[in-house]
Amino acid sequence: MKKESIQEAVHQNLENYFRDLGEQQASNIYDMVVLAVEKPMLEMIMTKTDSNQSQAADMLGINRNTLRKKLQHHGLL
């Protein structure tokens, strides 16, 4: 899978979101997208690393403490 495929999926879903909104005003889109993508990403990474937080943090390119905060935020700890 290419990076562009993920970008295309996000783009298509945002187009659908705006179409479905119609005349309604959009708000908090950044948080909506981050939350929609972050939790399944974290779930997948934790599965792939057998819940090894150090390996998961390395794969994600983030600090282990940051990973723990994100896992807690999403109820994954």
N, C-alpha and C. Protein backbone atom coordinates (compact mmCIF):
# COMPACT_ATOMS: atom_id res chain seq x y z
N MET A 1 0.86 -1.19 0.00
CA MET A 1 0.00 0.00 0.00
C MET A 1 0.89 1.23 0.00
N LYS A 2 0.55 2.15 -0.84
CA LYS A 2 1.32 3.39 -0.92
C LYS A 2 0.72 4.44 0.01
N LYS A 3 1.59 5.36 0.43
CA LYS A 3 1.14 6.47 1.27
C LYS A 3 0.00 7.22 0.60
N GLU A 4 0.05 7.33 -0.71
CA GLU A 4 -0.98 8.05 -1.44
C GLU A 4 -2.35 7.39 -1.25
N SER A 5 -2.38 6.07 -1.06
CA SER A 5 -3.65 5.37 -0.87
C SER A 5 -4.34 5.83 0.40
N ILE A 6 -3.57 6.01 1.46
CA ILE A 6 -4.13 6.51 2.71
C ILE A 6 -4.62 7.94 2.53
N GLN A 7 -3.82 8.74 1.86
CA GLN A 7 -4.21 10.13 1.61
C GLN A 7 -5.48 10.19 0.77
N GLU A 8 -5.57 9.34 -0.23
CA GLU A 8 -6.76 9.30 -1.08
C GLU A 8 -7.99 8.90 -0.27
N ALA A 9 -7.84 7.94 0.63
CA ALA A 9 -8.95 7.50 1.47
C ALA A 9 -9.43 8.64 2.37
N VAL A 10 -8.50 9.37 2.96
CA VAL A 10 -8.86 10.50 3.81
C VAL A 10 -9.56 11.56 2.96
N HIS A 11 -9.00 11.86 1.81
CA HIS A 11 -9.58 12.86 0.92
C HIS A 11 -11.01 12.49 0.53
N GLN A 12 -11.20 11.24 0.13
CA GLN A 12 -12.53 10.79 -0.29
C GLN A 12 -13.52 10.86 0.87
N ASN A 13 -13.10 10.47 2.04
CA ASN A 13 -13.99 10.51 3.20
C ASN A 13 -14.33 11.94 3.59
N LEU A 14 -13.39 12.84 3.47
CA LEU A 14 -13.69 14.25 3.75
C LEU A 14 -14.65 14.82 2.72
N GLU A 15 -14.47 14.44 1.46
CA GLU A 15 -15.43 14.88 0.44
C GLU A 15 -16.84 14.39 0.78
N ASN A 16 -16.94 13.14 1.18
CA ASN A 16 -18.24 12.58 1.57
C ASN A 16 -18.81 13.31 2.78
N TYR A 17 -17.96 13.62 3.74
CA TYR A 17 -18.38 14.34 4.94
C TYR A 17 -18.98 15.70 4.58
N PHE A 18 -18.26 16.45 3.75
CA PHE A 18 -18.75 17.77 3.35
C PHE A 18 -20.02 17.68 2.52
N ARG A 19 -20.10 16.67 1.67
CA ARG A 19 -21.31 16.48 0.88
C ARG A 19 -22.49 16.18 1.80
N ASP A 20 -22.27 15.31 2.77
CA ASP A 20 -23.35 14.94 3.69
C ASP A 20 -23.76 16.11 4.59
N LEU A 21 -22.83 17.01 4.88
CA LEU A 21 -23.15 18.17 5.70
C LEU A 21 -24.13 19.11 5.00
N GLY A 22 -24.02 19.16 3.70
CA GLY A 22 -24.88 20.07 2.94
C GLY A 22 -24.60 21.51 3.32
N GLU A 23 -25.63 22.20 3.77
CA GLU A 23 -25.51 23.62 4.12
C GLU A 23 -25.05 23.85 5.56
N GLN A 24 -24.93 22.78 6.35
CA GLN A 24 -24.50 22.92 7.74
C GLN A 24 -23.04 23.36 7.80
N GLN A 25 -22.72 24.11 8.84
CA GLN A 25 -21.35 24.59 9.04
C GLN A 25 -20.49 23.48 9.66
N ALA A 26 -19.33 23.24 9.08
CA ALA A 26 -18.38 22.26 9.61
C ALA A 26 -17.60 22.90 10.76
N SER A 27 -17.22 22.07 11.74
CA SER A 27 -16.39 22.56 12.83
C SER A 27 -15.56 21.42 13.41
N ASN A 28 -14.46 21.76 14.02
CA ASN A 28 -13.57 20.80 14.68
C ASN A 28 -13.12 19.66 13.77
N ILE A 29 -12.90 19.96 12.52
CA ILE A 29 -12.53 18.93 11.55
C ILE A 29 -11.17 18.31 11.90
N TYR A 30 -10.23 19.14 12.32
CA TYR A 30 -8.90 18.62 12.64
C TYR A 30 -9.01 17.54 13.72
N ASP A 31 -9.67 17.86 14.83
CA ASP A 31 -9.82 16.89 15.91
C ASP A 31 -10.57 15.65 15.46
N MET A 32 -11.60 15.84 14.65
CA MET A 32 -12.39 14.72 14.15
C MET A 32 -11.52 13.75 13.36
N VAL A 33 -10.70 14.29 12.45
CA VAL A 33 -9.86 13.44 11.61
C VAL A 33 -8.76 12.76 12.43
N VAL A 34 -8.11 13.53 13.31
CA VAL A 34 -7.05 12.94 14.12
C VAL A 34 -7.60 11.81 14.98
N LEU A 35 -8.72 12.03 15.63
CA LEU A 35 -9.30 10.99 16.48
C LEU A 35 -9.74 9.78 15.66
N ALA A 36 -10.27 10.02 14.47
CA ALA A 36 -10.73 8.92 13.63
C ALA A 36 -9.58 8.05 13.13
N VAL A 37 -8.43 8.65 12.93
CA VAL A 37 -7.27 7.93 12.39
C VAL A 37 -6.39 7.39 13.51
N GLU A 38 -6.24 8.15 14.57
CA GLU A 38 -5.26 7.81 15.61
C GLU A 38 -5.60 6.51 16.34
N LYS A 39 -6.83 6.34 16.77
CA LYS A 39 -7.16 5.14 17.55
C LYS A 39 -6.95 3.85 16.76
N PRO A 40 -7.50 3.72 15.54
CA PRO A 40 -7.26 2.46 14.81
C PRO A 40 -5.78 2.26 14.48
N MET A 41 -5.05 3.34 14.25
CA MET A 41 -3.61 3.23 14.01
C MET A 41 -2.91 2.67 15.24
N LEU A 42 -3.23 3.22 16.40
CA LEU A 42 -2.62 2.75 17.65
C LEU A 42 -2.99 1.29 17.91
N GLU A 43 -4.24 0.94 17.68
CA GLU A 43 -4.67 -0.45 17.88
C GLU A 43 -3.87 -1.40 16.99
N MET A 44 -3.68 -1.02 15.74
CA MET A 44 -2.94 -1.87 14.80
C MET A 44 -1.48 -1.98 15.20
N ILE A 45 -0.87 -0.87 15.55
CA ILE A 45 0.55 -0.89 15.93
C ILE A 45 0.76 -1.72 17.18
N MET A 46 -0.14 -1.58 18.15
CA MET A 46 0.00 -2.37 19.38
C MET A 46 -0.18 -3.85 19.10
N THR A 47 -1.05 -4.19 18.17
CA THR A 47 -1.22 -5.60 17.78
C THR A 47 0.04 -6.11 17.10
N LYS A 48 0.56 -5.31 16.17
CA LYS A 48 1.76 -5.73 15.42
C LYS A 48 2.98 -5.89 16.31
N THR A 49 3.04 -5.15 17.41
CA THR A 49 4.20 -5.21 18.31
C THR A 49 3.92 -6.04 19.55
N ASP A 50 2.82 -6.79 19.54
CA ASP A 50 2.42 -7.58 20.72
C ASP A 50 2.40 -6.73 21.98
N SER A 51 1.90 -5.50 21.84
CA SER A 51 1.74 -4.54 22.94
C SER A 51 3.06 -4.08 23.55
N ASN A 52 4.15 -4.21 22.80
CA ASN A 52 5.45 -3.71 23.26
C ASN A 52 5.49 -2.21 22.98
N GLN A 53 5.38 -1.42 24.05
CA GLN A 53 5.28 0.03 23.89
C GLN A 53 6.56 0.65 23.33
N SER A 54 7.69 0.11 23.68
CA SER A 54 8.95 0.65 23.15
C SER A 54 9.03 0.45 21.64
N GLN A 55 8.70 -0.76 21.18
CA GLN A 55 8.70 -1.04 19.74
C GLN A 55 7.64 -0.19 19.03
N ALA A 56 6.48 -0.09 19.64
CA ALA A 56 5.40 0.69 19.03
C ALA A 56 5.81 2.16 18.90
N ALA A 57 6.41 2.72 19.95
CA ALA A 57 6.85 4.11 19.90
C ALA A 57 7.88 4.30 18.80
N ASP A 58 8.81 3.33 18.68
CA ASP A 58 9.82 3.41 17.61
C ASP A 58 9.16 3.36 16.24
N MET A 59 8.20 2.47 16.05
CA MET A 59 7.51 2.36 14.76
C MET A 59 6.80 3.66 14.41
N LEU A 60 6.21 4.28 15.42
CA LEU A 60 5.45 5.51 15.21
C LEU A 60 6.34 6.75 15.11
N GLY A 61 7.57 6.62 15.58
CA GLY A 61 8.48 7.76 15.57
C GLY A 61 8.15 8.78 16.65
N ILE A 62 7.61 8.27 17.77
CA ILE A 62 7.28 9.16 18.89
C ILE A 62 7.91 8.63 20.17
N ASN A 63 7.92 9.47 21.17
CA ASN A 63 8.44 9.12 22.49
C ASN A 63 7.50 8.12 23.16
N ARG A 64 8.05 7.19 23.96
CA ARG A 64 7.23 6.20 24.64
C ARG A 64 6.21 6.85 25.57
N ASN A 65 6.60 7.92 26.25
CA ASN A 65 5.66 8.61 27.14
C ASN A 65 4.50 9.22 26.35
N THR A 66 4.79 9.74 25.17
CA THR A 66 3.74 10.28 24.31
C THR A 66 2.80 9.16 23.88
N LEU A 67 3.37 8.02 23.55
CA LEU A 67 2.55 6.86 23.17
C LEU A 67 1.63 6.48 24.32
N ARG A 68 2.16 6.41 25.53
CA ARG A 68 1.34 6.04 26.69
C ARG A 68 0.18 7.01 26.88
N LYS A 69 0.45 8.30 26.73
CA LYS A 69 -0.61 9.31 26.86
C LYS A 69 -1.70 9.08 25.81
N LYS A 70 -1.28 8.79 24.59
CA LYS A 70 -2.25 8.57 23.51
C LYS A 70 -3.05 7.29 23.76
N LEU A 71 -2.39 6.25 24.23
CA LEU A 71 -3.08 5.00 24.54
C LEU A 71 -4.10 5.21 25.65
N GLN A 72 -3.72 5.94 26.67
CA GLN A 72 -4.64 6.24 27.77
C GLN A 72 -5.82 7.07 27.27
N HIS A 73 -5.53 8.07 26.45
CA HIS A 73 -6.57 8.95 25.92
C HIS A 73 -7.64 8.15 25.17
N HIS A 74 -7.21 7.13 24.45
CA HIS A 74 -8.13 6.32 23.64
C HIS A 74 -8.65 5.10 24.39
N GLY A 75 -8.32 4.98 25.67
CA GLY A 75 -8.79 3.84 26.46
C GLY A 75 -8.17 2.53 26.05
N LEU A 76 -6.94 2.58 25.58
CA LEU A 76 -6.27 1.37 25.11
C LEU A 76 -5.27 0.81 26.12
N LEU A 77 -5.22 1.38 27.31
CA LEU A 77 -4.36 0.86 28.38
C LEU A 77 -5.20 0.35 29.51
